[in-house]
Amino acid sequence: MPTYDYECSQCGHFEWVQKITAEPLAVCPHCGGEVHRQISHNVGIIFKGDGFYVTDNRKAGKPAESGNIPSTSGQKVS
């Protein structure tokens, strides 16, 4: 469930967790004052854990073929 920011006319700013389909609060649950829902700021995504890209989004690759790799030493063979 998302967290919404509210501004109470009596006690100030607070956050409230509620369903997306729920009606916005009209009364402060702390003091009973009038509240207005604030426009939220963008929140950055934080990926925690080991190798998010490797473990969750990447397809398994084919192993390299060692017999078909050209030499890149830069030396000319005569």
PDB file of N, CA and C in Angstrom:
ATOM      1  N   MET A   1       0.831  -1.181   0.000  1.00  0.00           N
ATOM      2  CA  MET A   1       0.000   0.000   0.000  1.00  0.00           C
ATOM      3  C   MET A   1       0.882   1.253   0.000  1.00  0.00           C
ATOM      4  N   PRO A   2       0.472   2.268  -0.729  1.00  0.00           N
ATOM      5  CA  PRO A   2       1.271   3.497  -0.786  1.00  0.00           C
ATOM      6  C   PRO A   2       1.118   4.347   0.474  1.00  0.00           C
ATOM      7  N   THR A   3       2.112   5.184   0.695  1.00  0.00           N
ATOM      8  CA  THR A   3       2.096   6.139   1.802  1.00  0.00           C
ATOM      9  C   THR A   3       1.760   7.515   1.235  1.00  0.00           C
ATOM     10  N   TYR A   4       0.771   8.165   1.823  1.00  0.00           N
ATOM     11  CA  TYR A   4       0.340   9.486   1.363  1.00  0.00           C
ATOM     12  C   TYR A   4       0.744  10.550   2.373  1.00  0.00           C
ATOM     13  N   ASP A   5       1.092  11.734   1.874  1.00  0.00           N
ATOM     14  CA  ASP A   5       1.429  12.881   2.717  1.00  0.00           C
ATOM     15  C   ASP A   5       0.177  13.729   2.909  1.00  0.00           C
ATOM     16  N   TYR A   6      -0.069  14.116   4.165  1.00  0.00           N
ATOM     17  CA  TYR A   6      -1.197  14.981   4.499  1.00  0.00           C
ATOM     18  C   TYR A   6      -0.698  16.179   5.289  1.00  0.00           C
ATOM     19  N   GLU A   7      -1.437  17.279   5.195  1.00  0.00           N
ATOM     20  CA  GLU A   7      -1.154  18.480   5.980  1.00  0.00           C
ATOM     21  C   GLU A   7      -2.388  18.772   6.827  1.00  0.00           C
ATOM     22  N   CYS A   8      -2.194  18.741   8.148  1.00  0.00           N
ATOM     23  CA  CYS A   8      -3.281  19.017   9.083  1.00  0.00           C
ATOM     24  C   CYS A   8      -3.263  20.502   9.440  1.00  0.00           C
ATOM     25  N   SER A   9      -4.441  21.108   9.527  1.00  0.00           N
ATOM     26  CA  SER A   9      -4.531  22.535   9.860  1.00  0.00           C
ATOM     27  C   SER A   9      -4.145  22.816  11.309  1.00  0.00           C
ATOM     28  N   GLN A  10      -4.163  21.789  12.167  1.00  0.00           N
ATOM     29  CA  GLN A  10      -3.856  22.003  13.583  1.00  0.00           C
ATOM     30  C   GLN A  10      -2.496  21.443  14.008  1.00  0.00           C
ATOM     31  N   CYS A  11      -2.178  20.223  13.566  1.00  0.00           N
ATOM     32  CA  CYS A  11      -0.933  19.607  14.069  1.00  0.00           C
ATOM     33  C   CYS A  11       0.165  19.469  13.022  1.00  0.00           C
ATOM     34  N   GLY A  12      -0.083  19.857  11.778  1.00  0.00           N
ATOM     35  CA  GLY A  12       0.975  19.868  10.771  1.00  0.00           C
ATOM     36  C   GLY A  12       1.000  18.638   9.874  1.00  0.00           C
ATOM     37  N   HIS A  13       2.191  18.337   9.381  1.00  0.00           N
ATOM     38  CA  HIS A  13       2.406  17.286   8.385  1.00  0.00           C
ATOM     39  C   HIS A  13       2.425  15.897   9.017  1.00  0.00           C
ATOM     40  N   PHE A  14       1.800  14.921   8.321  1.00  0.00           N
ATOM     41  CA  PHE A  14       1.918  13.519   8.716  1.00  0.00           C
ATOM     42  C   PHE A  14       1.754  12.647   7.480  1.00  0.00           C
ATOM     43  N   GLU A  15       2.172  11.396   7.591  1.00  0.00           N
ATOM     44  CA  GLU A  15       2.043  10.421   6.506  1.00  0.00           C
ATOM     45  C   GLU A  15       1.045   9.360   6.929  1.00  0.00           C
ATOM     46  N   TRP A  16       0.322   8.818   5.944  1.00  0.00           N
ATOM     47  CA  TRP A  16      -0.691   7.819   6.242  1.00  0.00           C
ATOM     48  C   TRP A  16      -0.651   6.740   5.164  1.00  0.00           C
ATOM     49  N   VAL A  17      -0.622   5.478   5.579  1.00  0.00           N
ATOM     50  CA  VAL A  17      -0.614   4.345   4.652  1.00  0.00           C
ATOM     51  C   VAL A  17      -2.058   3.925   4.417  1.00  0.00           C
ATOM     52  N   GLN A  18      -2.461   3.895   3.145  1.00  0.00           N
ATOM     53  CA  GLN A  18      -3.818   3.481   2.813  1.00  0.00           C
ATOM     54  C   GLN A  18      -3.862   2.934   1.390  1.00  0.00           C
ATOM     55  N   LYS A  19      -4.911   2.196   1.098  1.00  0.00           N
ATOM     56  CA  LYS A  19      -5.079   1.615  -0.232  1.00  0.00           C
ATOM     57  C   LYS A  19      -5.260   2.714  -1.275  1.00  0.00           C
ATOM     58  N   ILE A  20      -4.896   2.395  -2.508  1.00  0.00           N
ATOM     59  CA  ILE A  20      -5.067   3.341  -3.611  1.00  0.00           C
ATOM     60  C   ILE A  20      -6.543   3.650  -3.827  1.00  0.00           C
ATOM     61  N   THR A  21      -7.394   2.661  -3.619  1.00  0.00           N
ATOM     62  CA  THR A  21      -8.828   2.825  -3.844  1.00  0.00           C
ATOM     63  C   THR A  21      -9.541   3.526  -2.692  1.00  0.00           C
ATOM     64  N   ALA A  22      -8.861   3.742  -1.562  1.00  0.00           N
ATOM     65  CA  ALA A  22      -9.481   4.389  -0.403  1.00  0.00           C
ATOM     66  C   ALA A  22      -9.662   5.886  -0.651  1.00  0.00           C
ATOM     67  N   GLU A  23     -10.705   6.446  -0.068  1.00  0.00           N
ATOM     68  CA  GLU A  23     -10.950   7.888  -0.150  1.00  0.00           C
ATOM     69  C   GLU A  23      -9.881   8.627   0.653  1.00  0.00           C
ATOM     70  N   PRO A  24      -9.451   9.806   0.199  1.00  0.00           N
ATOM     71  CA  PRO A  24      -8.486  10.590   0.983  1.00  0.00           C
ATOM     72  C   PRO A  24      -9.072  10.956   2.350  1.00  0.00           C
ATOM     73  N   LEU A  25      -8.199  11.070   3.347  1.00  0.00           N
ATOM     74  CA  LEU A  25      -8.650  11.460   4.683  1.00  0.00           C
ATOM     75  C   LEU A  25      -9.183  12.885   4.655  1.00  0.00           C
ATOM     76  N   ALA A  26     -10.228  13.148   5.447  1.00  0.00           N
ATOM     77  CA  ALA A  26     -10.782  14.493   5.569  1.00  0.00           C
ATOM     78  C   ALA A  26     -10.544  15.048   6.968  1.00  0.00           C
ATOM     79  N   VAL A  27     -10.322  14.132   7.935  1.00  0.00           N
ATOM     80  CA  VAL A  27     -10.120  14.508   9.327  1.00  0.00           C
ATOM     81  C   VAL A  27      -8.830  13.866   9.818  1.00  0.00           C
ATOM     82  N   CYS A  28      -8.032  14.612  10.554  1.00  0.00           N
ATOM     83  CA  CYS A  28      -6.765  14.115  11.091  1.00  0.00           C
ATOM     84  C   CYS A  28      -7.030  13.019  12.121  1.00  0.00           C
ATOM     85  N   PRO A  29      -6.389  11.854  11.971  1.00  0.00           N
ATOM     86  CA  PRO A  29      -6.593  10.770  12.940  1.00  0.00           C
ATOM     87  C   PRO A  29      -5.940  11.062  14.294  1.00  0.00           C
ATOM     88  N   HIS A  30      -5.065  12.065  14.366  1.00  0.00           N
ATOM     89  CA  HIS A  30      -4.356  12.389  15.609  1.00  0.00           C
ATOM     90  C   HIS A  30      -5.107  13.420  16.455  1.00  0.00           C
ATOM     91  N   CYS A  31      -5.619  14.491  15.805  1.00  0.00           N
ATOM     92  CA  CYS A  31      -6.222  15.586  16.580  1.00  0.00           C
ATOM     93  C   CYS A  31      -7.643  15.937  16.142  1.00  0.00           C
ATOM     94  N   GLY A  32      -8.098  15.379  15.012  1.00  0.00           N
ATOM     95  CA  GLY A  32      -9.448  15.676  14.528  1.00  0.00           C
ATOM     96  C   GLY A  32      -9.539  16.923  13.663  1.00  0.00           C
ATOM     97  N   GLY A  33      -8.393  17.544  13.349  1.00  0.00           N
ATOM     98  CA  GLY A  33      -8.377  18.747  12.518  1.00  0.00           C
ATOM     99  C   GLY A  33      -8.620  18.437  11.047  1.00  0.00           C
ATOM    100  N   GLU A  34      -8.855  19.479  10.268  1.00  0.00           N
ATOM    101  CA  GLU A  34      -9.082  19.336   8.830  1.00  0.00           C
ATOM    102  C   GLU A  34      -7.756  19.035   8.129  1.00  0.00           C
ATOM    103  N   VAL A  35      -7.773  18.069   7.198  1.00  0.00           N
ATOM    104  CA  VAL A  35      -6.544  17.698   6.490  1.00  0.00           C
ATOM    105  C   VAL A  35      -6.725  17.812   4.984  1.00  0.00           C
ATOM    106  N   HIS A  36      -5.596  18.004   4.294  1.00  0.00           N
ATOM    107  CA  HIS A  36      -5.545  18.026   2.836  1.00  0.00           C
ATOM    108  C   HIS A  36      -4.390  17.141   2.402  1.00  0.00           C
ATOM    109  N   ARG A  37      -4.656  16.308   1.403  1.00  0.00           N
ATOM    110  CA  ARG A  37      -3.593  15.437   0.889  1.00  0.00           C
ATOM    111  C   ARG A  37      -2.643  16.258   0.032  1.00  0.00           C
ATOM    112  N   GLN A  38      -1.349  16.075   0.250  1.00  0.00           N
ATOM    113  CA  GLN A  38      -0.306  16.799  -0.469  1.00  0.00           C
ATOM    114  C   GLN A  38       0.122  16.012  -1.707  1.00  0.00           C
ATOM    115  N   ILE A  39       0.657  16.704  -2.684  1.00  0.00           N
ATOM    116  CA  ILE A  39       1.221  16.045  -3.861  1.00  0.00           C
ATOM    117  C   ILE A  39       2.589  15.515  -3.466  1.00  0.00           C
ATOM    118  N   SER A  40       2.789  14.225  -3.660  1.00  0.00           N
ATOM    119  CA  SER A  40       4.047  13.587  -3.263  1.00  0.00           C
ATOM    120  C   SER A  40       5.141  13.867  -4.277  1.00  0.00           C
ATOM    121  N   HIS A  41       6.371  13.867  -3.799  1.00  0.00           N
ATOM    122  CA  HIS A  41       7.540  14.021  -4.657  1.00  0.00           C
ATOM    123  C   HIS A  41       7.939  12.662  -5.203  1.00  0.00           C
ATOM    124  N   ASN A  42       8.699  12.667  -6.293  1.00  0.00           N
ATOM    125  CA  ASN A  42       9.206  11.412  -6.841  1.00  0.00           C
ATOM    126  C   ASN A  42      10.142  10.761  -5.839  1.00  0.00           C
ATOM    127  N   VAL A  43      10.075   9.459  -5.784  1.00  0.00           N
ATOM    128  CA  VAL A  43      10.909   8.704  -4.858  1.00  0.00           C
ATOM    129  C   VAL A  43      11.888   7.876  -5.674  1.00  0.00           C
ATOM    130  N   GLY A  44      13.158   7.930  -5.325  1.00  0.00           N
ATOM    131  CA  GLY A  44      14.161   7.131  -6.020  1.00  0.00           C
ATOM    132  C   GLY A  44      14.017   5.659  -5.685  1.00  0.00           C
ATOM    133  N   ILE A  45      14.336   4.826  -6.633  1.00  0.00           N
ATOM    134  CA  ILE A  45      14.288   3.385  -6.421  1.00  0.00           C
ATOM    135  C   ILE A  45      15.643   2.928  -5.927  1.00  0.00           C
ATOM    136  N   ILE A  46      15.631   2.100  -4.898  1.00  0.00           N
ATOM    137  CA  ILE A  46      16.870   1.567  -4.344  1.00  0.00           C
ATOM    138  C   ILE A  46      16.828   0.053  -4.484  1.00  0.00           C
ATOM    139  N   PHE A  47      17.781  -0.496  -5.230  1.00  0.00           N
ATOM    140  CA  PHE A  47      17.878  -1.934  -5.382  1.00  0.00           C
ATOM    141  C   PHE A  47      18.845  -2.458  -4.337  1.00  0.00           C
ATOM    142  N   LYS A  48      18.368  -3.327  -3.464  1.00  0.00           N
ATOM    143  CA  LYS A  48      19.219  -3.892  -2.426  1.00  0.00           C
ATOM    144  C   LYS A  48      19.462  -5.362  -2.735  1.00  0.00           C
ATOM    145  N   GLY A  49      20.604  -5.861  -2.325  1.00  0.00           N
ATOM    146  CA  GLY A  49      20.915  -7.263  -2.536  1.00  0.00           C
ATOM    147  C   GLY A  49      22.035  -7.432  -3.533  1.00  0.00           C
ATOM    148  N   ASP A  50      22.414  -8.665  -3.740  1.00  0.00           N
ATOM    149  CA  ASP A  50      23.523  -8.983  -4.630  1.00  0.00           C
ATOM    150  C   ASP A  50      23.044  -9.155  -6.058  1.00  0.00           C
ATOM    151  N   GLY A  51      23.639  -8.443  -6.975  1.00  0.00           N
ATOM    152  CA  GLY A  51      23.459  -8.647  -8.407  1.00  0.00           C
ATOM    153  C   GLY A  51      22.040  -8.603  -8.898  1.00  0.00           C
ATOM    154  N   PHE A  52      21.320  -7.550  -8.651  1.00  0.00           N
ATOM    155  CA  PHE A  52      19.934  -7.466  -9.094  1.00  0.00           C
ATOM    156  C   PHE A  52      19.808  -7.732 -10.585  1.00  0.00           C
ATOM    157  N   TYR A  53      20.636  -7.092 -11.388  1.00  0.00           N
ATOM    158  CA  TYR A  53      20.547  -7.260 -12.833  1.00  0.00           C
ATOM    159  C   TYR A  53      20.862  -8.689 -13.238  1.00  0.00           C
ATOM    160  N   VAL A  54      21.909  -9.263 -12.678  1.00  0.00           N
ATOM    161  CA  VAL A  54      22.335 -10.606 -13.068  1.00  0.00           C
ATOM    162  C   VAL A  54      21.314 -11.649 -12.648  1.00  0.00           C
ATOM    163  N   THR A  55      20.777 -11.542 -11.461  1.00  0.00           N
ATOM    164  CA  THR A  55      19.894 -12.586 -10.959  1.00  0.00           C
ATOM    165  C   THR A  55      18.454 -12.445 -11.417  1.00  0.00           C
ATOM    166  N   ASP A  56      17.998 -11.248 -11.744  1.00  0.00           N
ATOM    167  CA  ASP A  56      16.588 -11.076 -12.035  1.00  0.00           C
ATOM    168  C   ASP A  56      16.241 -10.736 -13.481  1.00  0.00           C
ATOM    169  N   ASN A  57      17.104 -10.070 -14.202  1.00  0.00           N
ATOM    170  CA  ASN A  57      16.723  -9.577 -15.524  1.00  0.00           C
ATOM    171  C   ASN A  57      17.521 -10.143 -16.684  1.00  0.00           C
ATOM    172  N   ARG A  58      18.592 -10.787 -16.437  1.00  0.00           N
ATOM    173  CA  ARG A  58      19.488 -11.200 -17.509  1.00  0.00           C
ATOM    174  C   ARG A  58      19.216 -12.636 -17.934  1.00  0.00           C
ATOM    175  N   LYS A  59      19.226 -12.879 -19.242  1.00  0.00           N
ATOM    176  CA  LYS A  59      19.078 -14.233 -19.759  1.00  0.00           C
ATOM    177  C   LYS A  59      20.419 -14.940 -19.702  1.00  0.00           C
ATOM    178  N   ALA A  60      20.369 -16.252 -19.556  1.00  0.00           N
ATOM    179  CA  ALA A  60      21.606 -17.028 -19.515  1.00  0.00           C
ATOM    180  C   ALA A  60      22.288 -16.951 -20.874  1.00  0.00           C
ATOM    181  N   GLY A  61      23.575 -16.655 -20.866  1.00  0.00           N
ATOM    182  CA  GLY A  61      24.336 -16.526 -22.106  1.00  0.00           C
ATOM    183  C   GLY A  61      24.980 -17.845 -22.503  1.00  0.00           C
ATOM    184  N   LYS A  62      25.473 -17.889 -23.730  1.00  0.00           N
ATOM    185  CA  LYS A  62      26.182 -19.070 -24.209  1.00  0.00           C
ATOM    186  C   LYS A  62      27.645 -18.961 -23.812  1.00  0.00           C
ATOM    187  N   PRO A  63      28.285 -20.090 -23.484  1.00  0.00           N
ATOM    188  CA  PRO A  63      29.715 -20.032 -23.157  1.00  0.00           C
ATOM    189  C   PRO A  63      30.534 -19.686 -24.397  1.00  0.00           C
ATOM    190  N   ALA A  64      31.654 -19.009 -24.204  1.00  0.00           N
ATOM    191  CA  ALA A  64      32.520 -18.610 -25.316  1.00  0.00           C
ATOM    192  C   ALA A  64      33.168 -19.834 -25.944  1.00  0.00           C
ATOM    193  N   GLU A  65      33.297 -19.800 -27.265  1.00  0.00           N
ATOM    194  CA  GLU A  65      33.964 -20.882 -27.984  1.00  0.00           C
ATOM    195  C   GLU A  65      35.440 -20.524 -28.104  1.00  0.00           C
ATOM    196  N   SER A  66      36.309 -21.305 -27.478  1.00  0.00           N
ATOM    197  CA  SER A  66      37.734 -20.962 -27.436  1.00  0.00           C
ATOM    198  C   SER A  66      38.452 -21.218 -28.760  1.00  0.00           C
ATOM    199  N   GLY A  67      37.970 -22.086 -29.636  1.00  0.00           N
ATOM    200  CA  GLY A  67      38.657 -22.416 -30.880  1.00  0.00           C
ATOM    201  C   GLY A  67      38.508 -21.375 -31.965  1.00  0.00           C
ATOM    202  N   ASN A  68      37.526 -20.495 -31.894  1.00  0.00           N
ATOM    203  CA  ASN A  68      37.254 -19.538 -32.964  1.00  0.00           C
ATOM    204  C   ASN A  68      37.690 -18.114 -32.644  1.00  0.00           C
ATOM    205  N   ILE A  69      38.423 -17.900 -31.567  1.00  0.00           N
ATOM    206  CA  ILE A  69      38.832 -16.552 -31.188  1.00  0.00           C
ATOM    207  C   ILE A  69      40.112 -16.186 -31.928  1.00  0.00           C
ATOM    208  N   PRO A  70      40.118 -15.103 -32.736  1.00  0.00           N
ATOM    209  CA  PRO A  70      41.329 -14.711 -33.468  1.00  0.00           C
ATOM    210  C   PRO A  70      42.367 -14.119 -32.519  1.00  0.00           C
ATOM    211  N   SER A  71      43.625 -14.226 -32.917  1.00  0.00           N
ATOM    212  CA  SER A  71      44.716 -13.671 -32.130  1.00  0.00           C
ATOM    213  C   SER A  71      44.731 -12.161 -32.276  1.00  0.00           C
ATOM    214  N   THR A  72      44.912 -11.449 -31.160  1.00  0.00           N
ATOM    215  CA  THR A  72      44.941  -9.986 -31.196  1.00  0.00           C
ATOM    216  C   THR A  72      46.235  -9.451 -30.603  1.00  0.00           C
ATOM    217  N   SER A  73      47.322 -10.223 -30.735  1.00  0.00           N
ATOM    218  CA  SER A  73      48.580  -9.803 -30.119  1.00  0.00           C
ATOM    219  C   SER A  73      49.228  -8.636 -30.852  1.00  0.00           C
ATOM    220  N   GLY A  74      48.873  -8.395 -32.119  1.00  0.00           N
ATOM    221  CA  GLY A  74      49.430  -7.287 -32.870  1.00  0.00           C
ATOM    222  C   GLY A  74      50.744  -7.623 -33.554  1.00  0.00           C
ATOM    223  N   GLN A  75      51.251  -8.813 -33.372  1.00  0.00           N
ATOM    224  CA  GLN A  75      52.509  -9.209 -34.015  1.00  0.00           C
ATOM    225  C   GLN A  75      52.203  -9.849 -35.356  1.00  0.00           C
ATOM    226  N   LYS A  76      53.040  -9.536 -36.337  1.00  0.00           N
ATOM    227  CA  LYS A  76      52.871 -10.063 -37.680  1.00  0.00           C
ATOM    228  C   LYS A  76      53.665 -11.355 -37.804  1.00  0.00           C
ATOM    229  N   VAL A  77      53.030 -12.387 -38.316  1.00  0.00           N
ATOM    230  CA  VAL A  77      53.705 -13.667 -38.518  1.00  0.00           C
ATOM    231  C   VAL A  77      54.220 -13.713 -39.945  1.00  0.00           C
ATOM    232  N   SER A  78      55.555 -14.024 -40.150  1.00  0.00           N
ATOM    233  CA  SER A  78      56.100 -14.058 -41.502  1.00  0.00           C
ATOM    234  C   SER A  78      56.414 -15.451 -41.964  1.00  0.00           C
TER     235      SER A  78
END
